[in-house]
Amino acid sequence: MVGLGNPGPEYAANRHNAGFMVADELAARAGGRFKAHRARAEVMEGRLAGASVVLAKPLSFMNLSGGPVKALADFYKTTQLIVIHDELDVPYGALRTKLGGGDNGHNGLKSITKSLDTKDYLRLRFGIGRPPGRMDTAVYVLKDFATAERKDLPFLIDRAADMVESLIQVGLEPTQNKFHAADLNLSGPPR
């Protein structure tokens, strides 16, 4: 599992770092801590949802995520991958899972797809919505979540971690059926 983001404290609360935020929650659930890995990533090995997992946060910037992800896939000899990332085309408050597909202009996904030479990996798309007005997309994703958004952010991070655990336990379609069909109520669990 790879959470995407940009390294460094100045990016920690940015919309583009939603993947890192979910990865941190998953590491906490597994009772593990990230450690430096030679693949230019922070890695946590442990158990989550009853399975042995490797959780990673690339230390390259978002646009170069593919190199560390490929190096980790080769090191751990795995072909199963879940990428957790921010998504402009999903409204804030919505979380979606899918297998493969396009990158929708997301440079982190472009880099991973190019490095792995495949689009066929699982994705957890953390909705951040489109920028308001004529704000440049690059500026928007590198801004911190707005005050109103931060109120619901812990709930969304927790729910995203639940979805990742569901992907591990039961797979894509049951996860989609359970989480996508539910009406998202930001003040509590799905109705």
Protein backbone atom coordinates (compact mmCIF):
# COMPACT_ATOMS: atom_id res chain seq x y z
CA MET A 1 0.00 0.00 0.00
CA VAL A 2 1.34 3.38 -0.96
CA GLY A 3 0.06 6.72 0.31
CA LEU A 4 0.97 9.57 -2.01
CA GLY A 5 2.10 13.00 -0.92
CA ASN A 6 5.02 15.37 -0.78
CA PRO A 7 7.71 15.02 1.91
CA GLY A 8 8.40 17.78 4.40
CA PRO A 9 6.47 19.62 7.12
CA GLU A 10 5.53 22.50 4.81
CA TYR A 11 3.34 20.07 2.78
CA ALA A 12 1.94 18.00 5.65
CA ALA A 13 -1.57 19.53 5.71
CA ASN A 14 -1.91 20.04 1.93
CA ARG A 15 -4.75 18.49 -0.04
CA HIS A 16 -2.12 16.69 -2.13
CA ASN A 17 -0.98 14.86 1.02
CA ALA A 18 -4.27 13.07 1.69
CA GLY A 19 -2.54 9.77 0.82
CA PHE A 20 0.13 10.36 3.47
CA MET A 21 -2.57 11.18 6.02
CA VAL A 22 -4.39 7.89 5.38
CA ALA A 23 -1.08 5.98 5.42
CA ASP A 24 -0.31 7.46 8.84
CA GLU A 25 -3.70 6.29 10.14
CA LEU A 26 -3.13 2.78 8.76
CA ALA A 27 0.32 2.63 10.39
CA ALA A 28 -1.23 3.67 13.72
CA ARG A 29 -3.87 0.94 13.38
CA ALA A 30 -1.15 -1.63 12.68
CA GLY A 31 0.82 -0.39 15.70
CA GLY A 32 3.86 0.28 13.53
CA ARG A 33 6.15 3.14 12.68
CA PHE A 34 7.62 4.22 9.40
CA LYS A 35 11.34 3.69 8.87
CA ALA A 36 13.61 4.88 6.10
CA HIS A 37 14.05 2.43 3.21
CA ARG A 38 16.71 2.47 0.51
CA ALA A 39 13.96 2.78 -2.13
CA ARG A 40 13.59 6.49 -1.22
CA ALA A 41 10.52 5.84 0.89
CA GLU A 42 9.38 5.48 4.45
CA VAL A 43 8.14 1.94 5.01
CA MET A 44 6.19 0.13 7.71
CA GLU A 45 5.92 -3.65 7.65
CA GLY A 46 3.23 -5.23 9.79
CA ARG A 47 -0.20 -6.78 9.98
CA LEU A 48 -3.40 -5.06 9.02
CA ALA A 49 -6.86 -6.53 8.55
CA GLY A 50 -5.41 -9.98 9.26
CA ALA A 51 -2.79 -9.80 6.49
CA SER A 52 0.93 -9.08 6.29
CA VAL A 53 1.32 -5.70 4.62
CA VAL A 54 3.92 -3.21 3.55
CA LEU A 55 2.83 0.40 3.84
CA ALA A 56 4.92 3.08 2.16
CA LYS A 57 5.20 6.83 1.70
CA PRO A 58 7.55 7.79 -1.17
CA LEU A 59 10.08 10.44 -0.19
CA SER A 60 10.33 11.73 -3.73
CA PHE A 61 7.97 14.52 -4.61
CA MET A 62 4.54 13.53 -5.92
CA ASN A 63 5.46 13.81 -9.61
CA LEU A 64 8.30 11.29 -9.15
CA SER A 65 6.44 8.69 -7.04
CA GLY A 66 6.89 5.97 -9.64
CA GLY A 67 10.60 5.38 -8.97
CA PRO A 68 10.21 4.56 -5.27
CA VAL A 69 7.00 2.55 -5.88
CA LYS A 70 8.71 0.44 -8.56
CA ALA A 71 11.79 -0.07 -6.35
CA LEU A 72 9.55 -1.21 -3.47
CA ALA A 73 7.52 -3.54 -5.70
CA ASP A 74 10.76 -5.12 -6.92
CA PHE A 75 12.27 -5.31 -3.42
CA TYR A 76 9.19 -6.96 -1.89
CA LYS A 77 8.46 -8.99 -5.06
CA THR A 78 4.82 -7.99 -5.08
CA THR A 79 2.33 -7.38 -7.82
CA GLN A 80 -0.53 -6.38 -5.48
CA LEU A 81 -0.67 -2.65 -4.96
CA ILE A 82 -3.12 -0.19 -3.42
CA VAL A 83 -2.36 3.48 -4.11
CA ILE A 84 -4.04 6.06 -1.87
CA HIS A 85 -4.22 9.51 -3.45
CA ASP A 86 -6.08 12.81 -3.62
CA GLU A 87 -8.58 13.15 -6.46
CA LEU A 88 -9.83 16.38 -8.02
CA ASP A 89 -12.66 14.67 -9.91
CA VAL A 90 -14.24 13.34 -6.71
CA PRO A 91 -15.99 15.92 -4.50
CA TYR A 92 -14.64 16.62 -1.04
CA GLY A 93 -16.20 14.17 1.41
CA ALA A 94 -16.41 11.32 -1.11
CA LEU A 95 -14.05 8.34 -1.18
CA ARG A 96 -13.91 5.93 -4.10
CA THR A 97 -12.08 2.71 -4.90
CA LYS A 98 -11.33 1.33 -8.33
CA LEU A 99 -8.98 -0.88 -10.29
CA GLY A 100 -6.93 0.70 -13.05
CA GLY A 101 -8.16 3.46 -15.30
CA GLY A 102 -6.68 6.74 -16.37
CA ASP A 103 -4.65 9.14 -14.29
CA ASN A 104 -7.00 12.15 -14.73
CA GLY A 105 -3.94 14.41 -14.90
CA HIS A 106 -2.62 13.23 -11.53
CA ASN A 107 1.16 13.34 -11.93
CA GLY A 108 1.79 10.86 -9.10
CA LEU A 109 -0.39 8.26 -10.85
CA LYS A 110 1.23 9.05 -14.22
CA SER A 111 4.65 8.39 -12.71
CA ILE A 112 3.57 5.12 -11.06
CA THR A 113 1.83 3.85 -14.20
CA LYS A 114 4.89 4.65 -16.31
CA SER A 115 7.33 3.03 -13.84
CA LEU A 116 5.22 -0.12 -13.35
CA ASP A 117 4.21 -0.24 -17.03
CA THR A 118 0.61 -0.94 -16.00
CA LYS A 119 -2.53 0.92 -14.95
CA ASP A 120 -3.89 -2.18 -13.25
CA TYR A 121 -3.48 -1.42 -9.57
CA LEU A 122 -6.08 -0.68 -6.92
CA ARG A 123 -6.72 2.94 -6.06
CA LEU A 124 -8.38 4.65 -3.15
CA ARG A 125 -9.39 8.07 -4.40
CA PHE A 126 -9.70 10.68 -1.64
CA GLY A 127 -11.99 13.38 -2.99
CA ILE A 128 -10.69 16.93 -2.70
CA GLY A 129 -12.98 18.49 -5.33
CA ARG A 130 -12.11 21.07 -7.94
CA PRO A 131 -10.51 24.44 -7.18
CA PRO A 132 -12.89 27.36 -6.79
CA GLY A 133 -13.24 29.90 -9.58
CA ARG A 134 -10.17 30.21 -11.77
CA MET A 135 -7.65 29.04 -9.16
CA ASP A 136 -4.83 27.08 -10.75
CA THR A 137 -5.05 23.35 -9.99
CA ALA A 138 -1.38 23.15 -8.93
CA VAL A 139 -1.91 25.96 -6.42
CA TYR A 140 -5.12 24.36 -5.10
CA VAL A 141 -3.64 20.90 -4.41
CA LEU A 142 -0.67 22.46 -2.59
CA LYS A 143 -2.92 24.47 -0.26
CA ASP A 144 -3.91 23.17 3.16
CA PHE A 145 -7.45 21.91 3.60
CA ALA A 146 -9.82 24.80 4.31
CA THR A 147 -11.04 25.40 7.86
CA ALA A 148 -14.49 23.97 7.10
CA GLU A 149 -12.90 20.89 5.48
CA ARG A 150 -10.57 20.28 8.44
CA LYS A 151 -13.59 19.75 10.69
CA ASP A 152 -14.49 16.57 8.76
CA LEU A 153 -10.96 15.50 7.82
CA PRO A 154 -10.37 13.08 10.75
CA PHE A 155 -13.63 11.28 9.93
CA LEU A 156 -12.70 11.00 6.23
CA ILE A 157 -9.19 9.75 6.99
CA ASP A 158 -10.65 7.13 9.34
CA ARG A 159 -13.24 6.07 6.73
CA ALA A 160 -10.55 5.87 4.02
CA ALA A 161 -8.48 3.60 6.29
CA ASP A 162 -11.59 1.44 6.81
CA MET A 163 -11.92 1.15 3.03
CA VAL A 164 -8.29 0.09 2.63
CA GLU A 165 -8.77 -2.59 5.31
CA SER A 166 -11.90 -3.72 3.47
CA LEU A 167 -9.95 -3.97 0.20
CA ILE A 168 -7.46 -6.22 1.99
CA GLN A 169 -10.12 -8.38 3.65
CA VAL A 170 -12.81 -8.78 0.99
CA GLY A 171 -11.57 -7.21 -2.24
CA LEU A 172 -12.75 -4.48 -4.58
CA GLU A 173 -16.36 -5.25 -5.45
CA PRO A 174 -17.58 -5.94 -1.88
CA THR A 175 -15.76 -2.78 -0.73
CA GLN A 176 -17.43 -0.74 -3.44
CA ASN A 177 -20.82 -2.21 -2.59
CA LYS A 178 -20.42 -1.40 1.08
CA PHE A 179 -18.84 2.05 0.92
CA HIS A 180 -19.85 3.58 -2.42
CA ALA A 181 -23.54 2.81 -2.03
CA ALA A 182 -23.71 4.35 1.44
CA ASP A 183 -24.95 7.90 1.78
CA LEU A 184 -22.02 9.81 3.22
CA ASN A 185 -23.00 11.71 6.32
CA LEU A 186 -19.97 13.72 7.45
CA SER A 187 -21.21 13.92 11.02
CA GLY A 188 -21.24 10.17 11.54
CA PRO A 189 -21.28 6.72 9.99
CA PRO A 190 -23.06 5.97 6.71
CA ARG A 191 -26.84 5.87 6.88
